[in-house]
Structures are given as C-alpha cells and as structure tokens.
Amino acid sequence: MKRIYLALFVAMLSLLAVVPTQAATPRLAGTVGPGFTITLKKAGAKVATLEAGKYSITVSDLSSIHDFHLVGPGVNKATSVGGTGKVTWTVTFQKGKTYRFMCDPHASFMNGKFKTF
C-alpha cells in the first residue's frame, strides 16, 4: 500500500513540474482628480513605456468634472465625466504603438502618453 501512495505522490510531483505557471496579468493604476491631475502608474512609478501585452488597469475617478479616457490602437476606454468611483479594465497593448490618456473636458493640459515595445 505504501508503494501505491509513493507512486501516486511521485506522479503528482511530476505533473506539477510539467504544468507551466501562468504569470499574473500586470496591473496599472490610473487616477484622475480630485484636482486637475491625471496619472497612470505601474508599481507606483509613472508610465512612460510599457511592454506590449495584456494589462489590468484600475482607474480611480475622484472628480465629477473629469473623466479618464485611454485611447490607442485597439483600446478606447473611458469613465464618465459626471460620475466618480473605481473601475477595472483589461486591455491589450500592441507592440510599437503610442497610447494616450486624458481628461476629455480638460485634454489640453490633463493628459499623458506612453509607448509600447
């Protein structure tokens, strides 16, 4: 009986070694407001470049006079101008492209961009 349990244990361990581990989806944090500020960060640092691929973005919209609008190839996501709150989007950024984020009512000075590689 011990041999059967040992064989099963070894078989389970070998399956774990063969199964690839899934990397967690990278997370970004966007914030707009409460003043006239808009940011996009990864691990607390402002985003200037990102590796292409799938990301989870949590946006904190802290003002009812702003929105957070993210646009670029294959991406067009926005919060509402009249609302506030938190929303999470899953997006895929294409390689070698430029993406922009802005507050639509104040786009001339509340904006940012990043490039993918």
C-alpha atoms as a PDB file:
ATOM      1  CA  MET A   1       0.000   0.000   0.000  1.00  0.00           C
ATOM      2  CA  LYS A   2       2.876   2.373   0.794  1.00  0.00           C
ATOM      3  CA  ARG A   3       4.263   1.745  -2.700  1.00  0.00           C
ATOM      4  CA  ILE A   4       0.969   2.828  -4.293  1.00  0.00           C
ATOM      5  CA  TYR A   5       0.893   6.055  -2.276  1.00  0.00           C
ATOM      6  CA  LEU A   6       4.535   6.719  -3.072  1.00  0.00           C
ATOM      7  CA  ALA A   7       3.898   6.125  -6.787  1.00  0.00           C
ATOM      8  CA  LEU A   8       0.907   8.476  -6.739  1.00  0.00           C
ATOM      9  CA  PHE A   9       2.909  11.125  -4.910  1.00  0.00           C
ATOM     10  CA  VAL A  10       5.748  10.912  -7.436  1.00  0.00           C
ATOM     11  CA  ALA A  11       3.253  11.086 -10.321  1.00  0.00           C
ATOM     12  CA  MET A  12       1.643  14.214  -8.857  1.00  0.00           C
ATOM     13  CA  LEU A  13       5.011  15.892  -8.410  1.00  0.00           C
ATOM     14  CA  SER A  14       5.976  15.145 -11.997  1.00  0.00           C
ATOM     15  CA  LEU A  15       2.716  16.704 -13.239  1.00  0.00           C
ATOM     16  CA  LEU A  16       3.457  19.873 -11.301  1.00  0.00           C
ATOM     17  CA  ALA A  17       6.860  20.096 -12.940  1.00  0.00           C
ATOM     18  CA  VAL A  18       5.311  19.819 -16.420  1.00  0.00           C
ATOM     19  CA  VAL A  19       2.413  22.264 -15.979  1.00  0.00           C
ATOM     20  CA  PRO A  20       3.564  25.791 -16.940  1.00  0.00           C
ATOM     21  CA  THR A  21       2.864  28.501 -14.424  1.00  0.00           C
ATOM     22  CA  GLN A  22       0.652  31.345 -15.584  1.00  0.00           C
ATOM     23  CA  ALA A  23       2.168  34.753 -14.980  1.00  0.00           C
ATOM     24  CA  ALA A  24      -0.164  37.189 -13.296  1.00  0.00           C
ATOM     25  CA  THR A  25      -1.598  39.921 -15.506  1.00  0.00           C
ATOM     26  CA  PRO A  26       0.429  43.103 -14.894  1.00  0.00           C
ATOM     27  CA  ARG A  27      -1.506  45.820 -13.086  1.00  0.00           C
ATOM     28  CA  LEU A  28      -1.650  49.536 -13.776  1.00  0.00           C
ATOM     29  CA  ALA A  29      -3.293  52.279 -11.709  1.00  0.00           C
ATOM     30  CA  GLY A  30      -4.938  55.326 -13.249  1.00  0.00           C
ATOM     31  CA  THR A  31      -6.141  58.310 -11.252  1.00  0.00           C
ATOM     32  CA  VAL A  32      -7.990  61.438 -12.269  1.00  0.00           C
ATOM     33  CA  GLY A  33      -8.778  64.232  -9.825  1.00  0.00           C
ATOM     34  CA  PRO A  34      -9.681  65.386  -7.296  1.00  0.00           C
ATOM     35  CA  GLY A  35      -7.800  68.460  -8.548  1.00  0.00           C
ATOM     36  CA  PHE A  36      -6.614  68.940 -12.107  1.00  0.00           C
ATOM     37  CA  THR A  37      -4.350  65.878 -12.186  1.00  0.00           C
ATOM     38  CA  ILE A  38      -4.285  62.683 -14.198  1.00  0.00           C
ATOM     39  CA  THR A  39      -1.760  59.857 -13.819  1.00  0.00           C
ATOM     40  CA  LEU A  40      -1.061  56.330 -14.983  1.00  0.00           C
ATOM     41  CA  LYS A  41       1.332  54.290 -12.848  1.00  0.00           C
ATOM     42  CA  LYS A  42       2.843  50.836 -12.641  1.00  0.00           C
ATOM     43  CA  ALA A  43       4.112  49.785  -9.207  1.00  0.00           C
ATOM     44  CA  GLY A  44       3.955  53.424  -8.074  1.00  0.00           C
ATOM     45  CA  ALA A  45       6.046  54.820 -10.957  1.00  0.00           C
ATOM     46  CA  LYS A  46       4.669  56.952 -13.786  1.00  0.00           C
ATOM     47  CA  VAL A  47       4.317  55.020 -17.027  1.00  0.00           C
ATOM     48  CA  ALA A  48       6.423  56.272 -19.964  1.00  0.00           C
ATOM     49  CA  THR A  49       6.962  52.931 -21.721  1.00  0.00           C
ATOM     50  CA  LEU A  50       5.357  49.522 -21.346  1.00  0.00           C
ATOM     51  CA  GLU A  51       5.977  46.095 -22.737  1.00  0.00           C
ATOM     52  CA  ALA A  52       3.213  45.174 -25.187  1.00  0.00           C
ATOM     53  CA  GLY A  53       0.631  42.709 -23.896  1.00  0.00           C
ATOM     54  CA  LYS A  54      -2.386  42.281 -21.655  1.00  0.00           C
ATOM     55  CA  TYR A  55      -2.839  44.537 -18.601  1.00  0.00           C
ATOM     56  CA  SER A  56      -5.375  45.092 -15.846  1.00  0.00           C
ATOM     57  CA  ILE A  57      -5.966  48.806 -15.227  1.00  0.00           C
ATOM     58  CA  THR A  58      -7.776  50.055 -12.144  1.00  0.00           C
ATOM     59  CA  VAL A  59      -8.903  53.656 -12.548  1.00  0.00           C
ATOM     60  CA  SER A  60      -9.857  55.819  -9.585  1.00  0.00           C
ATOM     61  CA  ASP A  61     -12.040  58.662 -10.839  1.00  0.00           C
ATOM     62  CA  LEU A  62     -12.074  61.135  -7.965  1.00  0.00           C
ATOM     63  CA  SER A  63     -13.984  64.030  -9.504  1.00  0.00           C
ATOM     64  CA  SER A  64     -17.336  64.538 -11.200  1.00  0.00           C
ATOM     65  CA  ILE A  65     -15.867  67.203 -13.511  1.00  0.00           C
ATOM     66  CA  HIS A  66     -13.254  64.854 -15.031  1.00  0.00           C
ATOM     67  CA  ASP A  67     -13.029  61.541 -16.839  1.00  0.00           C
ATOM     68  CA  PHE A  68     -10.139  59.161 -17.506  1.00  0.00           C
ATOM     69  CA  HIS A  69     -10.028  58.314 -21.211  1.00  0.00           C
ATOM     70  CA  LEU A  70      -7.448  55.804 -22.530  1.00  0.00           C
ATOM     71  CA  VAL A  71      -7.060  55.545 -26.316  1.00  0.00           C
ATOM     72  CA  GLY A  72      -4.745  53.927 -28.832  1.00  0.00           C
ATOM     73  CA  PRO A  73      -4.666  51.049 -31.306  1.00  0.00           C
ATOM     74  CA  GLY A  74      -7.291  48.535 -30.136  1.00  0.00           C
ATOM     75  CA  VAL A  75      -8.107  50.474 -26.937  1.00  0.00           C
ATOM     76  CA  ASN A  76     -10.824  53.048 -26.225  1.00  0.00           C
ATOM     77  CA  LYS A  77     -11.939  53.047 -22.579  1.00  0.00           C
ATOM     78  CA  ALA A  78     -13.320  55.912 -20.510  1.00  0.00           C
ATOM     79  CA  THR A  79     -15.001  56.723 -17.226  1.00  0.00           C
ATOM     80  CA  SER A  80     -17.903  59.187 -17.243  1.00  0.00           C
ATOM     81  CA  VAL A  81     -17.490  62.903 -16.715  1.00  0.00           C
ATOM     82  CA  GLY A  82     -20.419  63.154 -14.298  1.00  0.00           C
ATOM     83  CA  GLY A  83     -19.528  60.142 -12.184  1.00  0.00           C
ATOM     84  CA  THR A  84     -16.869  59.073  -9.726  1.00  0.00           C
ATOM     85  CA  GLY A  85     -15.648  55.752  -8.452  1.00  0.00           C
ATOM     86  CA  LYS A  86     -13.352  52.902  -9.294  1.00  0.00           C
ATOM     87  CA  VAL A  87     -13.390  50.728 -12.414  1.00  0.00           C
ATOM     88  CA  THR A  88     -11.100  47.957 -13.675  1.00  0.00           C
ATOM     89  CA  TRP A  89     -10.457  47.310 -17.357  1.00  0.00           C
ATOM     90  CA  THR A  90      -8.497  44.567 -19.077  1.00  0.00           C
ATOM     91  CA  VAL A  91      -6.737  45.833 -22.188  1.00  0.00           C
ATOM     92  CA  THR A  92      -4.141  44.557 -24.627  1.00  0.00           C
ATOM     93  CA  PHE A  93      -1.479  46.961 -25.867  1.00  0.00           C
ATOM     94  CA  GLN A  94       0.110  46.360 -29.256  1.00  0.00           C
ATOM     95  CA  LYS A  95       3.869  46.431 -29.780  1.00  0.00           C
ATOM     96  CA  GLY A  96       5.491  49.627 -31.063  1.00  0.00           C
ATOM     97  CA  LYS A  97       2.443  51.852 -30.597  1.00  0.00           C
ATOM     98  CA  THR A  98       1.625  55.065 -28.733  1.00  0.00           C
ATOM     99  CA  TYR A  99      -1.274  55.220 -26.281  1.00  0.00           C
ATOM    100  CA  ARG A 100      -2.735  58.362 -24.734  1.00  0.00           C
ATOM    101  CA  PHE A 101      -4.796  59.097 -21.643  1.00  0.00           C
ATOM    102  CA  MET A 102      -6.615  62.318 -20.934  1.00  0.00           C
ATOM    103  CA  CYS A 103      -9.488  64.053 -19.250  1.00  0.00           C
ATOM    104  CA  ASP A 104     -11.758  64.901 -22.180  1.00  0.00           C
ATOM    105  CA  PRO A 105     -13.084  68.250 -20.826  1.00  0.00           C
ATOM    106  CA  HIS A 106      -9.516  69.381 -19.992  1.00  0.00           C
ATOM    107  CA  ALA A 107      -7.481  67.469 -22.594  1.00  0.00           C
ATOM    108  CA  SER A 108      -5.211  70.412 -23.413  1.00  0.00           C
ATOM    109  CA  PHE A 109      -3.467  70.180 -20.020  1.00  0.00           C
ATOM    110  CA  MET A 110      -4.679  66.966 -18.346  1.00  0.00           C
ATOM    111  CA  ASN A 111      -3.071  64.281 -20.492  1.00  0.00           C
ATOM    112  CA  GLY A 112      -0.260  61.802 -20.825  1.00  0.00           C
ATOM    113  CA  LYS A 113       1.087  59.208 -23.209  1.00  0.00           C
ATOM    114  CA  PHE A 114       3.283  56.141 -23.317  1.00  0.00           C
ATOM    115  CA  LYS A 115       4.885  53.940 -25.927  1.00  0.00           C
ATOM    116  CA  THR A 116       4.993  50.168 -26.067  1.00  0.00           C
ATOM    117  CA  PHE A 117       7.916  47.945 -27.005  1.00  0.00           C
END
